[in-house]
N, C-alpha and C. Protein backbone atom coordinates (compact mmCIF):
# COMPACT_ATOMS: atom_id res chain seq x y z
N MET A 1 66.68 -33.30 -117.54
CA MET A 1 65.59 -32.05 -117.66
C MET A 1 65.35 -31.58 -116.14
N GLN A 2 65.44 -32.62 -115.26
CA GLN A 2 65.04 -32.31 -113.89
C GLN A 2 66.38 -31.39 -113.35
N ILE A 3 67.21 -31.61 -113.80
CA ILE A 3 68.78 -31.24 -113.53
C ILE A 3 68.73 -29.60 -113.95
N LEU A 4 68.12 -29.59 -115.09
CA LEU A 4 68.24 -28.17 -115.90
C LEU A 4 66.84 -27.48 -114.75
N LYS A 5 66.02 -27.89 -114.72
CA LYS A 5 64.81 -27.16 -113.81
C LYS A 5 65.50 -27.19 -112.34
N ASP A 6 66.00 -27.91 -111.81
CA ASP A 6 66.79 -27.74 -110.36
C ASP A 6 67.56 -26.37 -110.41
N ASN A 7 68.51 -26.42 -111.64
CA ASN A 7 69.14 -25.08 -111.84
C ASN A 7 68.63 -24.12 -111.90
N ILE A 8 67.59 -23.84 -112.82
CA ILE A 8 66.57 -22.59 -113.14
C ILE A 8 66.17 -22.15 -111.67
N ARG A 9 65.49 -23.21 -110.83
CA ARG A 9 65.23 -22.79 -109.70
C ARG A 9 66.18 -22.17 -108.68
N SER A 10 67.20 -22.65 -108.71
CA SER A 10 68.29 -22.36 -107.84
C SER A 10 68.73 -20.87 -108.19
N ARG A 11 68.92 -20.69 -109.51
CA ARG A 11 69.26 -19.28 -110.16
C ARG A 11 67.89 -18.36 -109.67
N ILE A 12 66.91 -18.68 -109.80
CA ILE A 12 65.79 -17.99 -109.36
C ILE A 12 65.99 -17.26 -107.92
N LEU A 13 66.09 -18.14 -106.98
CA LEU A 13 66.49 -18.04 -105.72
C LEU A 13 67.70 -17.07 -105.33
N ASP A 14 68.78 -17.51 -106.04
CA ASP A 14 70.10 -16.63 -106.19
C ASP A 14 69.78 -14.94 -106.37
N VAL A 15 69.21 -14.89 -107.62
CA VAL A 15 68.79 -13.51 -108.18
C VAL A 15 67.74 -12.85 -107.15
N ALA A 16 66.67 -13.74 -106.81
CA ALA A 16 65.92 -13.09 -105.63
C ALA A 16 66.59 -12.47 -104.64
N LYS A 17 67.28 -13.54 -103.88
CA LYS A 17 68.20 -13.03 -102.72
C LYS A 17 68.71 -11.60 -102.87
N GLN A 18 69.51 -11.66 -104.00
CA GLN A 18 70.05 -10.29 -104.49
C GLN A 18 69.33 -9.28 -104.45
N GLN A 19 68.07 -9.11 -105.34
CA GLN A 19 67.34 -8.24 -105.47
C GLN A 19 66.36 -7.93 -103.86
N PHE A 20 66.23 -8.85 -103.54
CA PHE A 20 65.44 -8.52 -101.98
C PHE A 20 66.29 -7.51 -100.91
N GLU A 21 67.62 -8.07 -101.19
CA GLU A 21 68.62 -7.61 -100.09
C GLU A 21 68.90 -6.28 -100.74
N LEU A 22 69.22 -5.93 -102.12
CA LEU A 22 69.46 -4.51 -102.25
C LEU A 22 67.87 -3.69 -102.35
N LYS A 23 66.72 -3.97 -102.79
CA LYS A 23 65.67 -3.23 -102.86
C LYS A 23 64.82 -3.43 -102.11
N GLY A 24 64.49 -4.37 -101.26
CA GLY A 24 63.58 -4.96 -100.47
C GLY A 24 62.32 -5.59 -101.30
N TYR A 25 61.56 -6.36 -100.21
CA TYR A 25 60.39 -7.00 -101.16
C TYR A 25 59.43 -6.02 -102.16
N SER A 26 59.17 -5.04 -101.48
CA SER A 26 58.07 -4.15 -102.18
C SER A 26 58.23 -3.63 -103.51
N LYS A 27 59.57 -3.23 -103.55
CA LYS A 27 60.42 -2.83 -104.72
C LYS A 27 60.80 -3.85 -105.89
N THR A 28 60.95 -4.84 -105.54
CA THR A 28 61.55 -5.85 -106.40
C THR A 28 60.28 -6.72 -107.10
N SER A 29 60.49 -6.77 -108.19
CA SER A 29 59.62 -7.31 -109.26
C SER A 29 59.89 -8.60 -109.89
N MET A 30 58.73 -9.53 -110.10
CA MET A 30 59.19 -10.56 -110.95
C MET A 30 59.60 -10.71 -112.07
N ARG A 31 59.09 -9.74 -112.62
CA ARG A 31 59.63 -9.57 -114.05
C ARG A 31 61.33 -9.14 -114.12
N GLU A 32 61.63 -8.26 -113.05
CA GLU A 32 62.99 -8.06 -112.99
C GLU A 32 64.01 -9.27 -112.66
N ILE A 33 63.36 -9.97 -111.70
CA ILE A 33 64.02 -11.47 -111.62
C ILE A 33 64.07 -12.22 -112.61
N ALA A 34 62.79 -12.36 -113.34
CA ALA A 34 63.14 -13.00 -114.46
C ALA A 34 64.20 -12.73 -115.26
N VAL A 35 64.34 -11.43 -115.79
CA VAL A 35 65.14 -10.69 -116.71
C VAL A 35 66.58 -11.22 -116.27
N ASP A 36 66.81 -11.04 -115.17
CA ASP A 36 68.13 -11.22 -114.74
C ASP A 36 68.47 -12.91 -114.57
N VAL A 37 67.68 -13.48 -114.40
CA VAL A 37 67.62 -15.11 -114.77
C VAL A 37 67.90 -15.47 -116.02
N GLY A 38 67.16 -14.65 -116.83
CA GLY A 38 67.23 -15.16 -118.28
C GLY A 38 66.17 -16.17 -118.86
N VAL A 39 65.15 -15.95 -117.99
CA VAL A 39 63.87 -16.73 -118.41
C VAL A 39 62.67 -15.61 -118.38
N GLY A 40 61.23 -16.16 -118.96
CA GLY A 40 60.27 -15.33 -119.28
C GLY A 40 59.29 -15.22 -117.87
N VAL A 41 58.99 -14.05 -117.50
CA VAL A 41 58.22 -13.82 -116.25
C VAL A 41 57.26 -15.19 -115.93
N GLY A 42 56.53 -15.73 -117.17
CA GLY A 42 55.92 -16.91 -116.76
C GLY A 42 56.60 -17.88 -116.34
N ASN A 43 57.60 -18.27 -116.54
CA ASN A 43 58.31 -19.26 -116.42
C ASN A 43 58.91 -19.38 -114.67
N ILE A 44 58.73 -18.13 -114.25
CA ILE A 44 59.13 -18.20 -112.77
C ILE A 44 57.72 -18.73 -112.10
N TYR A 45 56.83 -18.63 -112.20
CA TYR A 45 55.36 -18.86 -111.70
C TYR A 45 55.64 -20.33 -112.06
N ASN A 46 56.10 -21.24 -112.71
CA ASN A 46 56.00 -22.68 -112.79
C ASN A 46 56.90 -23.24 -111.59
N TYR A 47 57.65 -22.19 -111.02
CA TYR A 47 58.31 -22.50 -109.96
C TYR A 47 58.01 -21.95 -108.62
N PHE A 48 57.35 -20.78 -108.55
CA PHE A 48 56.87 -20.08 -107.33
C PHE A 48 55.47 -19.39 -107.68
N LYS A 49 54.49 -19.72 -106.69
CA LYS A 49 53.13 -19.14 -107.39
C LYS A 49 53.03 -17.81 -107.40
N SER A 50 53.91 -17.14 -106.21
CA SER A 50 53.62 -15.59 -106.13
C SER A 50 54.93 -15.17 -105.56
N LYS A 51 55.07 -13.82 -105.86
CA LYS A 51 56.34 -13.05 -105.22
C LYS A 51 56.36 -13.55 -103.77
N ASP A 52 55.66 -13.66 -103.00
CA ASP A 52 55.40 -13.77 -101.41
C ASP A 52 55.91 -15.30 -101.34
N GLU A 53 55.54 -16.39 -102.02
CA GLU A 53 56.05 -17.41 -101.82
C GLU A 53 57.60 -17.45 -101.98
N LEU A 54 58.25 -17.04 -103.03
CA LEU A 54 59.50 -16.72 -103.29
C LEU A 54 60.02 -16.06 -102.13
N PHE A 55 59.84 -15.17 -101.65
CA PHE A 55 60.13 -14.56 -100.56
C PHE A 55 60.44 -15.30 -99.44
N HIS A 56 59.44 -16.05 -99.01
CA HIS A 56 59.67 -17.00 -97.73
C HIS A 56 60.66 -18.03 -98.25
N GLU A 57 60.56 -18.71 -99.40
CA GLU A 57 61.73 -19.45 -99.81
C GLU A 57 62.92 -19.17 -99.85
N VAL A 58 63.17 -17.69 -100.10
CA VAL A 58 64.54 -17.12 -100.03
C VAL A 58 64.89 -17.09 -98.55
N VAL A 59 64.23 -17.10 -97.74
CA VAL A 59 64.62 -16.62 -96.15
C VAL A 59 64.15 -17.84 -95.50
N ARG A 60 63.74 -18.92 -96.28
CA ARG A 60 63.57 -20.19 -95.21
C ARG A 60 64.26 -20.62 -94.41
N PRO A 61 65.93 -20.76 -94.73
CA PRO A 61 66.77 -21.35 -93.91
C PRO A 61 66.91 -20.38 -92.25
N VAL A 62 66.89 -19.02 -92.56
CA VAL A 62 66.79 -18.34 -91.28
C VAL A 62 65.69 -18.37 -90.40
N LEU A 63 64.38 -18.65 -91.25
CA LEU A 63 63.18 -18.81 -90.47
C LEU A 63 63.48 -20.15 -89.58
N TYR A 64 63.98 -20.91 -90.16
CA TYR A 64 64.11 -22.42 -89.31
C TYR A 64 65.18 -22.33 -88.62
N ALA A 65 66.14 -21.38 -88.66
CA ALA A 65 67.29 -21.63 -87.57
C ALA A 65 66.53 -20.60 -86.39
N LEU A 66 65.95 -19.69 -86.75
CA LEU A 66 65.26 -18.91 -85.59
C LEU A 66 64.10 -19.81 -84.83
N GLU A 67 63.56 -20.69 -85.49
CA GLU A 67 62.32 -21.40 -84.90
C GLU A 67 63.09 -22.56 -83.97
N MET A 68 64.23 -23.19 -84.65
CA MET A 68 65.17 -24.25 -83.91
C MET A 68 65.62 -23.59 -82.54
N LEU A 69 66.01 -22.24 -82.69
CA LEU A 69 66.49 -21.60 -81.46
C LEU A 69 65.56 -21.33 -80.38
N LEU A 70 64.17 -21.13 -80.80
CA LEU A 70 63.35 -21.05 -79.98
C LEU A 70 62.47 -22.23 -79.28
N GLN A 71 62.40 -23.15 -80.21
CA GLN A 71 61.99 -24.65 -79.59
C GLN A 71 63.20 -25.38 -78.90
N GLU A 72 64.30 -25.13 -79.03
CA GLU A 72 65.58 -25.72 -78.10
C GLU A 72 65.62 -24.90 -76.79
N HIS A 73 65.27 -23.85 -76.44
CA HIS A 73 65.48 -23.58 -75.04
C HIS A 73 64.13 -23.24 -74.72
N HIS A 74 63.08 -23.04 -75.38
CA HIS A 74 61.61 -22.69 -74.63
C HIS A 74 60.45 -23.75 -75.26
N GLY A 75 60.89 -24.58 -75.90
CA GLY A 75 59.60 -25.43 -76.64
C GLY A 75 59.66 -26.73 -75.76
N ILE A 76 59.10 -27.66 -76.50
CA ILE A 76 58.59 -28.88 -75.68
C ILE A 76 60.29 -29.60 -75.29
N GLN A 77 61.11 -29.12 -76.34
CA GLN A 77 62.69 -29.80 -75.88
C GLN A 77 63.46 -28.84 -75.34
N GLY A 78 62.65 -27.90 -74.59
CA GLY A 78 63.59 -26.99 -73.85
C GLY A 78 64.69 -27.45 -72.75
N GLU A 79 65.48 -26.42 -72.65
CA GLU A 79 66.64 -26.98 -71.72
C GLU A 79 65.96 -27.00 -70.32
N ASP A 80 66.51 -27.80 -69.29
CA ASP A 80 66.31 -27.72 -67.97
C ASP A 80 66.76 -26.38 -67.42
N ILE A 81 65.97 -25.56 -66.61
CA ILE A 81 66.00 -24.23 -66.42
C ILE A 81 67.37 -24.38 -65.31
N MET A 82 67.78 -25.36 -64.95
CA MET A 82 68.78 -25.28 -63.94
C MET A 82 70.15 -25.29 -64.69
N MET A 83 69.99 -25.41 -66.00
CA MET A 83 71.27 -25.51 -66.71
C MET A 83 71.84 -23.96 -66.90
N MET A 84 70.92 -23.00 -66.49
CA MET A 84 71.26 -21.37 -66.60
C MET A 84 72.33 -21.25 -65.77
N ARG A 85 72.71 -22.13 -64.82
CA ARG A 85 73.78 -21.94 -63.80
C ARG A 85 74.99 -22.43 -64.41
N SER A 86 75.09 -22.95 -65.43
CA SER A 86 76.36 -23.65 -65.98
C SER A 86 77.18 -22.79 -66.94
N GLU A 87 78.52 -22.65 -66.75
CA GLU A 87 79.39 -22.37 -68.00
C GLU A 87 78.95 -23.00 -69.21
N GLU A 88 78.59 -24.12 -69.14
CA GLU A 88 78.52 -24.88 -70.58
C GLU A 88 77.23 -23.98 -71.31
N TYR A 89 76.24 -23.91 -70.43
CA TYR A 89 74.95 -23.26 -71.05
C TYR A 89 75.35 -21.82 -71.85
N LEU A 90 76.39 -21.25 -70.94
CA LEU A 90 76.65 -19.51 -71.56
C LEU A 90 77.34 -19.78 -72.73
N GLU A 91 78.45 -20.92 -72.72
CA GLU A 91 79.15 -21.02 -74.17
C GLU A 91 78.31 -21.36 -75.10
N THR A 92 77.33 -22.38 -74.75
CA THR A 92 76.36 -22.75 -75.86
C THR A 92 75.48 -21.89 -76.38
N CYS A 93 74.95 -20.95 -75.52
CA CYS A 93 74.28 -19.74 -75.95
C CYS A 93 75.15 -18.94 -77.05
N ILE A 94 76.36 -18.54 -76.46
CA ILE A 94 77.13 -17.63 -77.57
C ILE A 94 77.49 -18.11 -78.92
N ASN A 95 77.94 -19.73 -78.58
CA ASN A 95 77.94 -20.08 -80.01
C ASN A 95 76.86 -20.17 -80.82
N GLU A 96 75.88 -20.27 -80.17
CA GLU A 96 74.56 -20.40 -81.06
C GLU A 96 74.20 -19.05 -81.76
N TYR A 97 74.52 -18.13 -81.21
CA TYR A 97 73.95 -16.72 -81.81
C TYR A 97 75.15 -16.44 -82.74
N ILE A 98 76.42 -16.67 -82.48
CA ILE A 98 77.46 -16.53 -83.48
C ILE A 98 77.20 -17.29 -84.74
N SER A 99 76.98 -18.75 -84.39
CA SER A 99 76.58 -19.26 -85.66
C SER A 99 75.52 -18.94 -86.61
N LEU A 100 74.58 -18.55 -85.78
CA LEU A 100 73.09 -17.89 -86.39
C LEU A 100 73.54 -16.88 -87.40
N TYR A 101 74.40 -15.90 -86.48
CA TYR A 101 74.49 -14.60 -87.30
C TYR A 101 75.86 -14.78 -88.71
N ASP A 102 76.63 -15.69 -88.49
CA ASP A 102 77.65 -16.12 -89.25
C ASP A 102 76.93 -16.52 -90.62
N ILE A 103 76.33 -17.69 -90.31
CA ILE A 103 75.45 -18.30 -91.36
C ILE A 103 74.43 -17.54 -92.18
N HIS A 104 73.64 -16.87 -91.40
CA HIS A 104 72.61 -16.12 -91.82
C HIS A 104 72.33 -14.89 -91.79
N HIS A 105 73.37 -14.06 -91.93
CA HIS A 105 73.43 -12.76 -91.47
C HIS A 105 72.78 -11.96 -93.14
N ARG A 106 72.89 -12.35 -93.89
CA ARG A 106 72.36 -11.62 -95.17
C ARG A 106 70.79 -11.88 -95.19
N LEU A 107 70.46 -13.08 -94.80
CA LEU A 107 68.98 -13.41 -94.91
C LEU A 107 68.25 -12.69 -93.52
N MET A 108 68.91 -12.62 -92.60
CA MET A 108 68.55 -12.17 -91.31
C MET A 108 68.15 -10.66 -91.71
N LYS A 109 69.22 -10.06 -92.46
CA LYS A 109 68.90 -8.26 -93.00
C LYS A 109 67.82 -8.36 -93.93
N ILE A 110 67.54 -9.33 -94.90
CA ILE A 110 66.41 -9.25 -95.60
C ILE A 110 65.26 -9.63 -94.74
N LEU A 111 65.28 -10.41 -93.89
CA LEU A 111 64.02 -10.64 -93.10
C LEU A 111 63.60 -9.56 -92.03
N LEU A 112 64.64 -8.90 -91.49
CA LEU A 112 64.14 -7.98 -90.47
C LEU A 112 63.83 -6.31 -91.06
N PHE A 113 65.07 -6.23 -92.23
CA PHE A 113 64.78 -4.98 -92.87
C PHE A 113 64.13 -4.66 -94.33
N ARG A 114 64.03 -5.86 -94.94
CA ARG A 114 63.44 -5.75 -96.28
C ARG A 114 62.08 -6.41 -96.46
N ALA A 115 61.43 -6.78 -95.56
CA ALA A 115 60.07 -7.64 -95.70
C ALA A 115 58.93 -6.81 -95.81
N GLN A 116 58.97 -5.54 -95.59
CA GLN A 116 57.78 -4.52 -96.00
C GLN A 116 56.78 -4.98 -97.28
N GLY A 117 55.88 -5.34 -97.04
CA GLY A 117 54.83 -5.59 -98.05
C GLY A 117 54.71 -7.21 -98.27
N SER A 118 55.38 -7.97 -97.48
CA SER A 118 55.34 -9.19 -97.68
C SER A 118 54.60 -9.65 -96.59
N SER A 119 54.06 -10.91 -96.51
CA SER A 119 53.11 -11.55 -95.50
C SER A 119 54.39 -11.81 -94.14
N LEU A 120 55.77 -11.61 -94.34
CA LEU A 120 56.47 -11.62 -93.18
C LEU A 120 56.76 -10.29 -92.62
N GLU A 121 56.12 -9.25 -93.16
CA GLU A 121 56.58 -7.84 -92.30
C GLU A 121 56.26 -7.88 -91.07
N ARG A 122 55.66 -8.60 -90.34
CA ARG A 122 55.52 -8.53 -89.05
C ARG A 122 55.90 -9.90 -88.26
N PHE A 123 57.15 -10.53 -88.89
CA PHE A 123 57.78 -11.59 -88.33
C PHE A 123 58.35 -11.22 -86.83
N ARG A 124 58.95 -10.32 -86.87
CA ARG A 124 59.67 -9.99 -85.58
C ARG A 124 58.50 -9.77 -84.42
N GLU A 125 57.39 -9.14 -84.76
CA GLU A 125 56.41 -9.14 -83.73
C GLU A 125 55.54 -10.49 -83.47
N ASN A 126 55.28 -11.14 -84.35
CA ASN A 126 54.51 -12.58 -84.39
C ASN A 126 55.70 -13.56 -83.70
N TYR A 127 56.95 -13.39 -83.90
CA TYR A 127 57.86 -14.35 -83.34
C TYR A 127 57.82 -14.02 -81.70
N THR A 128 58.02 -12.61 -81.26
CA THR A 128 58.05 -12.17 -80.09
C THR A 128 56.89 -12.70 -79.27
N ASP A 129 55.74 -12.54 -80.07
CA ASP A 129 54.49 -13.17 -79.08
C ASP A 129 54.45 -14.65 -78.99
N ARG A 130 55.05 -15.15 -79.89
CA ARG A 130 54.53 -16.72 -79.75
C ARG A 130 55.71 -16.97 -78.76
N SER A 131 56.97 -16.63 -78.85
CA SER A 131 57.99 -16.74 -77.68
C SER A 131 57.50 -16.50 -76.47
N THR A 132 56.94 -15.20 -75.85
CA THR A 132 56.47 -14.93 -75.00
C THR A 132 55.36 -16.03 -74.44
N GLU A 133 54.56 -16.53 -75.17
CA GLU A 133 53.49 -17.80 -74.63
C GLU A 133 54.37 -18.98 -74.45
N LEU A 134 55.39 -19.49 -75.21
CA LEU A 134 56.20 -20.82 -74.96
C LEU A 134 56.92 -20.55 -73.67
N VAL A 135 57.50 -19.36 -73.51
CA VAL A 135 58.26 -19.25 -72.22
C VAL A 135 57.47 -19.27 -71.05
N LYS A 136 56.24 -18.80 -71.18
CA LYS A 136 55.19 -18.88 -69.90
C LYS A 136 55.06 -20.35 -69.86
N VAL A 137 54.62 -21.01 -70.64
CA VAL A 137 54.40 -22.51 -70.75
C VAL A 137 55.68 -23.17 -69.99
N TRP A 138 56.95 -22.89 -70.89
CA TRP A 138 58.06 -23.65 -70.18
C TRP A 138 58.51 -23.29 -68.63
N PHE A 139 57.99 -22.10 -68.08
CA PHE A 139 58.26 -21.76 -66.73
C PHE A 139 57.22 -22.45 -65.84
N THR A 140 56.01 -22.58 -66.35
CA THR A 140 55.13 -23.66 -65.39
C THR A 140 55.52 -24.88 -65.45
N VAL A 141 56.15 -25.58 -66.71
CA VAL A 141 56.67 -26.88 -66.58
C VAL A 141 57.77 -27.02 -65.67
N MET A 142 58.82 -25.90 -65.80
CA MET A 142 59.84 -25.90 -64.88
C MET A 142 59.51 -25.84 -63.59
N GLN A 143 58.38 -25.30 -63.26
CA GLN A 143 57.93 -25.01 -61.69
C GLN A 143 57.51 -26.41 -61.22
N ARG A 144 56.71 -27.18 -61.92
CA ARG A 144 56.18 -28.34 -61.55
C ARG A 144 57.73 -29.30 -61.00
N LYS A 145 58.58 -29.16 -61.62
CA LYS A 145 59.94 -29.94 -61.36
C LYS A 145 60.63 -29.02 -60.39
N TYR A 146 60.66 -27.90 -60.17
CA TYR A 146 61.51 -27.11 -58.94
C TYR A 146 60.49 -26.11 -58.72
N PRO A 147 59.65 -26.70 -57.72
CA PRO A 147 58.50 -25.65 -57.11
C PRO A 147 58.99 -24.42 -56.28
N MET A 148 60.53 -24.23 -55.99
CA MET A 148 60.96 -23.17 -55.07
C MET A 148 61.06 -22.01 -56.12
N ILE A 149 61.04 -22.04 -57.46
CA ILE A 149 61.82 -21.31 -58.56
C ILE A 149 60.22 -19.98 -58.47
N ASN A 150 60.70 -18.74 -58.81
CA ASN A 150 59.90 -17.89 -58.90
C ASN A 150 59.47 -17.71 -60.31
N ILE A 151 58.27 -17.85 -60.70
CA ILE A 151 57.68 -17.52 -62.21
C ILE A 151 56.38 -16.57 -62.25
N ALA A 152 56.54 -15.90 -61.13
CA ALA A 152 55.31 -14.57 -61.07
C ALA A 152 55.97 -13.56 -61.84
N ILE A 153 55.95 -13.44 -63.10
CA ILE A 153 56.90 -12.44 -64.00
C ILE A 153 55.89 -12.15 -64.83
N PRO A 154 55.83 -10.80 -65.11
CA PRO A 154 54.94 -9.93 -66.01
C PRO A 154 55.11 -10.50 -67.15
N ASP A 155 54.13 -10.69 -68.04
CA ASP A 155 54.38 -10.99 -69.85
C ASP A 155 55.23 -9.75 -70.40
N PHE A 156 55.04 -8.59 -69.84
CA PHE A 156 55.79 -7.84 -70.70
C PHE A 156 57.35 -7.86 -70.36
N ILE A 157 57.62 -8.36 -69.37
CA ILE A 157 59.05 -8.68 -69.33
C ILE A 157 59.65 -9.89 -70.13
N ILE A 158 58.77 -10.93 -70.32
CA ILE A 158 59.17 -11.96 -70.90
C ILE A 158 59.29 -11.41 -72.48
N HIS A 159 58.09 -10.49 -72.66
CA HIS A 159 58.07 -10.15 -74.20
C HIS A 159 59.34 -9.32 -74.57
N LEU A 160 59.81 -8.72 -73.41
CA LEU A 160 61.09 -7.46 -73.80
C LEU A 160 62.48 -8.59 -74.02
N HIS A 161 62.42 -10.09 -73.39
CA HIS A 161 63.35 -10.80 -73.42
C HIS A 161 63.88 -11.15 -74.99
N THR A 162 62.78 -11.18 -75.94
CA THR A 162 62.83 -11.20 -77.24
C THR A 162 62.94 -10.29 -78.14
N VAL A 163 62.56 -9.29 -77.68
CA VAL A 163 62.75 -8.08 -78.05
C VAL A 163 64.06 -7.47 -78.17
N TRP A 164 64.59 -7.88 -76.93
CA TRP A 164 66.10 -7.43 -76.96
C TRP A 164 67.02 -8.21 -77.86
N MET A 165 66.70 -9.44 -78.10
CA MET A 165 67.59 -10.39 -78.91
C MET A 165 67.36 -9.75 -80.12
N PHE A 166 66.24 -9.35 -80.74
CA PHE A 166 66.15 -8.70 -82.14
C PHE A 166 66.97 -7.29 -82.37
N THR A 167 66.52 -7.02 -81.43
CA THR A 167 67.34 -5.18 -81.10
C THR A 167 68.77 -5.47 -81.56
N MET A 168 69.31 -6.50 -80.62
CA MET A 168 70.72 -6.78 -80.47
C MET A 168 71.49 -7.28 -82.15
N PHE A 169 70.43 -8.22 -82.74
CA PHE A 169 70.56 -8.91 -83.85
C PHE A 169 70.85 -7.80 -84.98
N GLU A 170 69.73 -6.81 -84.88
CA GLU A 170 69.63 -5.79 -85.93
C GLU A 170 70.75 -4.70 -85.80
N GLU A 171 71.38 -4.27 -84.38
CA GLU A 171 72.40 -3.51 -84.37
C GLU A 171 73.67 -4.04 -84.98
N LEU A 172 73.84 -5.22 -84.65
CA LEU A 172 75.17 -6.13 -85.46
C LEU A 172 75.01 -6.10 -86.90
N LEU A 173 73.65 -6.05 -87.28
CA LEU A 173 73.70 -6.06 -88.91
C LEU A 173 73.75 -4.45 -89.43
N ARG A 174 73.90 -3.61 -88.66
CA ARG A 174 73.73 -2.03 -88.86
C ARG A 174 75.38 -1.75 -89.13
N HIS A 175 76.07 -2.47 -88.11
CA HIS A 175 77.35 -2.10 -87.75
C HIS A 175 78.46 -2.95 -88.15
N SER A 176 79.41 -2.54 -88.67
CA SER A 176 80.69 -3.33 -89.08
C SER A 176 81.15 -3.87 -88.16
N ILE A 177 81.21 -4.88 -87.49
CA ILE A 177 81.75 -5.40 -86.24
C ILE A 177 82.93 -6.58 -86.43
N ALA A 178 84.29 -6.51 -86.02
CA ALA A 178 84.96 -7.82 -86.20
C ALA A 178 84.53 -8.93 -85.36
N LYS A 179 84.79 -10.16 -85.78
CA LYS A 179 84.05 -11.37 -85.36
C LYS A 179 84.26 -11.44 -83.73
N GLN A 180 85.69 -11.17 -83.52
CA GLN A 180 86.20 -11.36 -82.05
C GLN A 180 85.42 -10.34 -81.13
N GLU A 181 85.37 -8.86 -81.77
CA GLU A 181 84.83 -8.00 -81.00
C GLU A 181 83.29 -8.54 -80.56
N MET A 182 82.49 -9.19 -81.61
CA MET A 182 81.34 -9.76 -81.81
C MET A 182 81.01 -10.77 -80.93
N LYS A 183 81.98 -11.70 -80.62
CA LYS A 183 82.14 -12.55 -79.67
C LYS A 183 81.99 -12.20 -78.31
N ALA A 184 82.91 -11.05 -78.08
CA ALA A 184 82.88 -10.29 -76.46
C ALA A 184 81.84 -9.62 -76.29
N ILE A 185 80.81 -8.85 -77.39
CA ILE A 185 79.66 -8.67 -77.06
C ILE A 185 78.77 -9.57 -76.63
N LEU A 186 78.53 -10.48 -77.33
CA LEU A 186 77.58 -11.62 -77.25
C LEU A 186 77.90 -12.05 -75.97
N HIS A 187 79.01 -12.54 -75.68
CA HIS A 187 79.36 -12.89 -74.21
C HIS A 187 78.78 -12.27 -73.51
N ASN A 188 78.82 -10.77 -73.37
CA ASN A 188 78.32 -9.88 -72.39
C ASN A 188 76.81 -9.72 -72.28
N TYR A 189 76.47 -9.74 -73.76
CA TYR A 189 74.99 -9.54 -73.55
C TYR A 189 74.39 -11.02 -73.00
N ILE A 190 74.83 -11.96 -73.46
CA ILE A 190 74.01 -13.15 -72.73
C ILE A 190 74.48 -13.42 -71.51
N LEU A 191 75.56 -13.24 -70.78
CA LEU A 191 75.76 -13.01 -69.43
C LEU A 191 74.75 -12.36 -68.84
N PHE A 192 74.66 -10.98 -69.26
CA PHE A 192 73.74 -10.04 -68.54
C PHE A 192 72.35 -10.66 -68.54
N GLU A 193 71.74 -11.48 -69.77
CA GLU A 193 70.27 -11.98 -69.78
C GLU A 193 70.39 -12.93 -68.74
N ILE A 194 71.47 -13.91 -68.86
CA ILE A 194 71.29 -15.17 -67.92
C ILE A 194 71.28 -14.75 -66.31
N GLN A 195 71.96 -13.68 -66.05
CA GLN A 195 72.29 -13.44 -64.67
C GLN A 195 71.11 -12.47 -64.20
N GLY A 196 70.43 -11.95 -65.14
CA GLY A 196 69.17 -11.00 -64.95
C GLY A 196 68.22 -12.25 -64.60
N TRP A 197 67.84 -13.35 -65.68
CA TRP A 197 66.80 -14.28 -65.37
C TRP A 197 67.20 -15.22 -64.11
N ARG A 198 68.36 -15.32 -63.75
CA ARG A 198 68.23 -16.21 -62.37
C ARG A 198 68.10 -15.34 -61.28
N ALA A 199 68.30 -14.11 -61.27
CA ALA A 199 67.96 -13.04 -60.10
C ALA A 199 66.36 -13.31 -60.22
N ILE A 200 65.67 -13.25 -61.25
CA ILE A 200 64.23 -12.76 -61.23
C ILE A 200 63.65 -14.43 -60.65
N ILE A 201 64.32 -15.27 -61.56
CA ILE A 201 63.69 -16.64 -61.27
C ILE A 201 64.11 -17.35 -59.78
N ARG A 202 65.17 -16.62 -59.31
CA ARG A 202 65.75 -17.20 -57.99
C ARG A 202 66.31 -18.56 -57.94
N ILE A 203 67.33 -18.85 -58.82
CA ILE A 203 67.93 -19.99 -59.07
C ILE A 203 69.51 -19.78 -59.09
């Protein structure tokens, strides 16, 4: 019985992902999902309390991946700022972005382009605001370790750092780009960012 229930839940998630990707959150109905799954609409609510909860569960893997990206670079476990000088840091960032896109591009498309009407429709803005605050704290921690660095940076510049990341991902999603070309684009984008930050921070 539990295996059967797990199968139904998995099928609901698969169908919901297809519907959200095709029509977006606001134009997708629980009834349509139920029909495609082959269960009564009331049965779906045994697994998910609302369409919004179902949407959250569908995009959960990309939400987690983006959170890990934020925490690993600027959270409590953030990299030492001097790592920005190394080729290893550059390659790590490139590989992280490529992996994030390769694994989660369908869910990223749903999250960034199809979330209108859900509680995640302002995810991009909320993530950017939170990132700005985390980066400011990270800069302060790093200055205690390296007093010579410059952290007198306007909040708006830090804000733009995350805005550019989302814009870059959105443009990759809008255009069909070969993997090798995408790697070159990401290399140049991340190199541009790192060199820019190094100049501003003076490291």
